[in-house]
C-alpha atoms as a PDB file:
ATOM      1  CA  MET A   1       0.000   0.000   0.000  1.00  0.00           C
ATOM      2  CA  SER A   2       1.429   3.341  -1.027  1.00  0.00           C
ATOM      3  CA  MET A   3       1.798   6.110   1.515  1.00  0.00           C
ATOM      4  CA  PHE A   4       3.068   9.010  -0.578  1.00  0.00           C
ATOM      5  CA  ILE A   5       2.096   8.514  -4.214  1.00  0.00           C
ATOM      6  CA  LYS A   6      -0.801   6.877  -6.021  1.00  0.00           C
ATOM      7  CA  LEU A   7      -0.756   6.406  -9.780  1.00  0.00           C
ATOM      8  CA  GLU A   8      -3.881   6.242 -11.888  1.00  0.00           C
ATOM      9  CA  VAL A   9      -3.900   5.227 -15.539  1.00  0.00           C
ATOM     10  CA  SER A  10      -6.951   5.499 -17.765  1.00  0.00           C
ATOM     11  CA  PRO A  11      -8.501   2.141 -18.701  1.00  0.00           C
ATOM     12  CA  GLU A  12      -8.010   2.960 -22.392  1.00  0.00           C
ATOM     13  CA  VAL A  13      -4.233   3.258 -21.975  1.00  0.00           C
ATOM     14  CA  ALA A  14      -4.012   0.332 -19.544  1.00  0.00           C
ATOM     15  CA  SER A  15      -5.446  -1.993 -22.183  1.00  0.00           C
ATOM     16  CA  GLN A  16      -3.322  -0.868 -25.174  1.00  0.00           C
ATOM     17  CA  PRO A  17      -0.252  -3.146 -25.371  1.00  0.00           C
ATOM     18  CA  ASP A  18       1.921  -0.577 -27.166  1.00  0.00           C
ATOM     19  CA  LEU A  19       1.276   2.110 -24.543  1.00  0.00           C
ATOM     20  CA  VAL A  20       1.633  -0.407 -21.715  1.00  0.00           C
ATOM     21  CA  SER A  21       5.048  -1.429 -23.055  1.00  0.00           C
ATOM     22  CA  LYS A  22       6.069   2.223 -23.275  1.00  0.00           C
ATOM     23  CA  LEU A  23       5.090   2.881 -19.648  1.00  0.00           C
ATOM     24  CA  VAL A  24       6.950  -0.213 -18.459  1.00  0.00           C
ATOM     25  CA  GLU A  25      10.015   0.889 -20.416  1.00  0.00           C
ATOM     26  CA  VAL A  26      10.185   4.521 -19.273  1.00  0.00           C
ATOM     27  CA  CYS A  27       9.659   4.088 -15.529  1.00  0.00           C
ATOM     28  CA  PRO A  28      13.035   4.131 -13.768  1.00  0.00           C
ATOM     29  CA  VAL A  29      11.646   2.541 -10.583  1.00  0.00           C
ATOM     30  CA  ASP A  30       9.540  -0.278 -12.062  1.00  0.00           C
ATOM     31  CA  ILE A  31       6.124   0.944 -11.014  1.00  0.00           C
ATOM     32  CA  PHE A  32       4.542  -0.472 -14.168  1.00  0.00           C
ATOM     33  CA  ASP A  33       4.439  -4.082 -15.310  1.00  0.00           C
ATOM     34  CA  GLN A  34       2.412  -5.905 -17.918  1.00  0.00           C
ATOM     35  CA  ASP A  35       0.332  -9.031 -17.740  1.00  0.00           C
ATOM     36  CA  ASP A  36      -0.935 -10.384 -21.065  1.00  0.00           C
ATOM     37  CA  GLY A  37      -0.501  -6.933 -22.617  1.00  0.00           C
ATOM     38  CA  LYS A  38      -2.485  -5.175 -19.893  1.00  0.00           C
ATOM     39  CA  LEU A  39      -1.010  -2.734 -17.438  1.00  0.00           C
ATOM     40  CA  ARG A  40      -0.387  -3.709 -13.854  1.00  0.00           C
ATOM     41  CA  ILE A  41       0.702  -1.116 -11.319  1.00  0.00           C
ATOM     42  CA  VAL A  42       3.218  -2.579  -8.885  1.00  0.00           C
ATOM     43  CA  GLU A  43       1.777  -1.060  -5.721  1.00  0.00           C
ATOM     44  CA  GLU A  44       4.790  -1.878  -3.545  1.00  0.00           C
ATOM     45  CA  ASN A  45       6.914   0.289  -5.877  1.00  0.00           C
ATOM     46  CA  GLU A  46       4.608   3.315  -6.026  1.00  0.00           C
ATOM     47  CA  ASP A  47       6.339   5.104  -3.164  1.00  0.00           C
ATOM     48  CA  GLU A  48       9.611   4.835  -5.100  1.00  0.00           C
ATOM     49  CA  CYS A  49       8.248   7.323  -7.649  1.00  0.00           C
ATOM     50  CA  THR A  50      10.756  10.100  -8.306  1.00  0.00           C
ATOM     51  CA  LEU A  51       8.154  12.429  -9.868  1.00  0.00           C
ATOM     52  CA  CYS A  52      10.160  12.413 -13.106  1.00  0.00           C
ATOM     53  CA  ASP A  53       6.961  12.687 -15.225  1.00  0.00           C
ATOM     54  CA  LEU A  54       8.278  10.218 -17.836  1.00  0.00           C
ATOM     55  CA  CYS A  55       5.071   8.182 -17.589  1.00  0.00           C
ATOM     56  CA  ILE A  56       2.957  11.315 -18.033  1.00  0.00           C
ATOM     57  CA  GLU A  57       4.974  12.291 -21.110  1.00  0.00           C
ATOM     58  CA  ALA A  58       4.763   8.747 -22.566  1.00  0.00           C
ATOM     59  CA  ALA A  59       0.965   8.589 -22.494  1.00  0.00           C
ATOM     60  CA  PRO A  60      -1.755  10.708 -24.080  1.00  0.00           C
ATOM     61  CA  GLU A  61      -2.551  13.881 -22.177  1.00  0.00           C
ATOM     62  CA  GLY A  62      -4.446  13.203 -18.956  1.00  0.00           C
ATOM     63  CA  ALA A  63      -4.132   9.413 -19.234  1.00  0.00           C
ATOM     64  CA  VAL A  64      -1.648   9.054 -16.362  1.00  0.00           C
ATOM     65  CA  GLN A  65      -2.041  10.893 -13.091  1.00  0.00           C
ATOM     66  CA  VAL A  66       0.392  10.988 -10.205  1.00  0.00           C
ATOM     67  CA  ILE A  67      -1.573  11.758  -7.078  1.00  0.00           C
ATOM     68  CA  LYS A  68       0.354  12.976  -4.057  1.00  0.00           C
ATOM     69  CA  LEU A  69      -1.121  11.545  -0.866  1.00  0.00           C
ATOM     70  CA  TYR A  70       0.596  14.134   1.311  1.00  0.00           C
ATOM     71  CA  GLU A  71       0.389  17.865   1.745  1.00  0.00           C
ATOM     72  CA  ASP A  72       3.114  20.174   0.390  1.00  0.00           C
END
C-alpha cells in the first residue's frame, strides 16, 4: 500500500499493449508491469516514484495521473 504517491492510468491506456510497453520501459523505478498486454501497477513500488513525469509524457494527455497523498 502506497503512503506518498498513487498512480492512476486510464482504462483505455491500460489496455493498449503498445502504450503499456512504453510505460513499463520509461519508468526508472519499475512501477509499471504488464500481464498479457495489460497494465499492472506494482503497488509496492509506487512510493519509489521520483516524480520524473516520464510516464505522463509517454501517455496521451491526462491518461496518467500521479496523485500525491501528502500535503506540500
